């Protein structure tokens, strides 16, 4: 039987910056990650977020994220239990028109 000595490989999307209209408290963000392994089988990917939005998800790579900065971590696990991870920084800000509207 072969021994799996290598961690799976995972790649996250580049950091994301998004501006939302005034009064919109969140934005749907798609943050794909892809994972490969040198052994048979497809490694699983689990997503977690911390910061303005917090969650843990086994399957979803898109979410409503709150205005602010969140760090999305994608962690892959292969059939031997070996892991790798990567992160995407997501910054969601309100547009300037919102600042003008709220301060009048």
Protein backbone atom coordinates (compact mmCIF):
# COMPACT_ATOMS: atom_id res chain seq x y z
CA UNK A 1 0.00 0.00 0.00
CA UNK A 2 1.29 3.47 -0.90
CA UNK A 3 1.98 6.00 1.86
CA UNK A 4 0.73 9.56 1.32
CA UNK A 5 3.61 11.81 2.41
CA UNK A 6 2.46 14.93 0.55
CA UNK A 7 -0.07 17.56 1.55
CA UNK A 8 -2.79 18.41 -0.95
CA UNK A 9 -2.41 21.67 -2.88
CA UNK A 10 -4.96 24.48 -2.57
CA UNK A 11 -5.23 27.78 -4.43
CA UNK A 12 -7.43 30.70 -3.35
CA UNK A 13 -8.75 33.58 -5.40
CA UNK A 14 -7.01 36.97 -5.22
CA UNK A 15 -8.08 39.47 -2.57
CA UNK A 16 -11.47 41.08 -3.27
CA UNK A 17 -12.52 44.73 -2.87
CA UNK A 18 -16.16 45.73 -3.40
CA UNK A 19 -18.09 48.96 -2.87
CA UNK A 20 -21.82 48.72 -2.08
CA UNK A 21 -24.58 51.32 -2.34
CA UNK A 22 -25.79 53.26 0.68
CA UNK A 23 -27.91 51.18 3.06
CA UNK A 24 -26.81 47.80 1.68
CA UNK A 25 -25.50 45.89 4.73
CA UNK A 26 -23.90 43.01 2.84
CA UNK A 27 -22.79 41.78 -0.56
CA UNK A 28 -22.72 38.29 -2.09
CA UNK A 29 -19.10 37.31 -2.69
CA UNK A 30 -17.87 34.30 -4.65
CA UNK A 31 -14.45 33.14 -3.42
CA UNK A 32 -13.52 29.97 -5.30
CA UNK A 33 -10.69 27.74 -4.19
CA UNK A 34 -9.39 24.69 -6.02
CA UNK A 35 -7.66 21.71 -4.47
CA UNK A 36 -5.66 18.84 -5.93
CA UNK A 37 -3.82 15.87 -4.50
CA UNK A 38 -1.31 13.37 -5.85
CA UNK A 39 -3.40 10.45 -4.55
CA UNK A 40 -6.75 9.26 -5.94
CA UNK A 41 -9.88 11.04 -4.73
CA UNK A 42 -10.98 14.63 -4.57
CA UNK A 43 -9.82 16.53 -1.48
CA UNK A 44 -12.59 18.27 0.48
CA UNK A 45 -12.60 22.04 1.05
CA UNK A 46 -13.94 23.78 4.17
CA UNK A 47 -14.40 27.56 4.24
CA UNK A 48 -14.23 29.69 7.38
CA UNK A 49 -14.43 33.47 7.82
CA UNK A 50 -13.38 35.82 10.57
CA UNK A 51 -13.68 39.58 10.84
CA UNK A 52 -16.77 41.54 9.75
CA UNK A 53 -18.42 38.21 8.83
CA UNK A 54 -17.89 34.90 10.62
CA UNK A 55 -18.94 31.46 9.43
CA UNK A 56 -17.83 27.88 8.80
CA UNK A 57 -19.08 26.00 5.76
CA UNK A 58 -18.23 22.60 4.34
CA UNK A 59 -19.61 23.26 0.88
CA UNK A 60 -20.39 26.89 0.09
CA UNK A 61 -17.82 29.13 -1.60
CA UNK A 62 -20.12 32.15 -1.79
CA UNK A 63 -21.83 34.08 0.98
CA UNK A 64 -23.39 37.37 1.97
CA UNK A 65 -20.50 39.19 3.63
CA UNK A 66 -21.03 42.19 5.88
CA UNK A 67 -19.59 45.63 5.18
CA UNK A 68 -16.06 45.63 6.58
CA UNK A 69 -13.06 43.35 6.20
CA UNK A 70 -13.27 39.56 6.40
CA UNK A 71 -10.58 36.93 5.97
CA UNK A 72 -11.80 33.79 4.20
CA UNK A 73 -9.71 30.68 4.87
CA UNK A 74 -10.07 27.66 2.59
CA UNK A 75 -8.69 24.43 4.07
CA UNK A 76 -8.40 21.23 2.08
CA UNK A 77 -8.12 17.73 3.50
CA UNK A 78 -7.13 14.69 1.46
CA UNK A 79 -8.08 11.05 1.99
CA UNK A 80 -5.11 10.54 4.34
CA UNK A 81 -6.10 13.46 6.55
CA UNK A 82 -3.26 15.71 5.33
CA UNK A 83 -4.20 19.41 5.03
CA UNK A 84 -3.27 22.69 3.37
CA UNK A 85 -4.90 26.13 3.48
CA UNK A 86 -4.93 29.54 1.83
CA UNK A 87 -6.63 32.87 2.55
CA UNK A 88 -8.50 35.60 0.69
CA UNK A 89 -8.95 39.08 2.16
CA UNK A 90 -12.39 40.54 1.34
CA UNK A 91 -12.99 44.28 1.89
CA UNK A 92 -16.53 45.62 1.43
CA UNK A 93 -17.05 49.36 1.82
CA UNK A 94 -20.01 51.71 1.47
CA UNK A 95 -19.84 54.21 -1.39
CA UNK A 96 -19.05 57.89 -0.80
CA UNK A 97 -22.65 58.88 -1.59
CA UNK A 98 -23.70 57.01 1.56
CA UNK A 99 -21.36 59.07 3.73
CA UNK A 100 -22.81 62.29 2.29
CA UNK A 101 -26.39 61.09 2.74
CA UNK A 102 -25.94 59.94 6.33
CA UNK A 103 -24.18 63.13 7.48
CA UNK A 104 -26.69 65.67 6.12
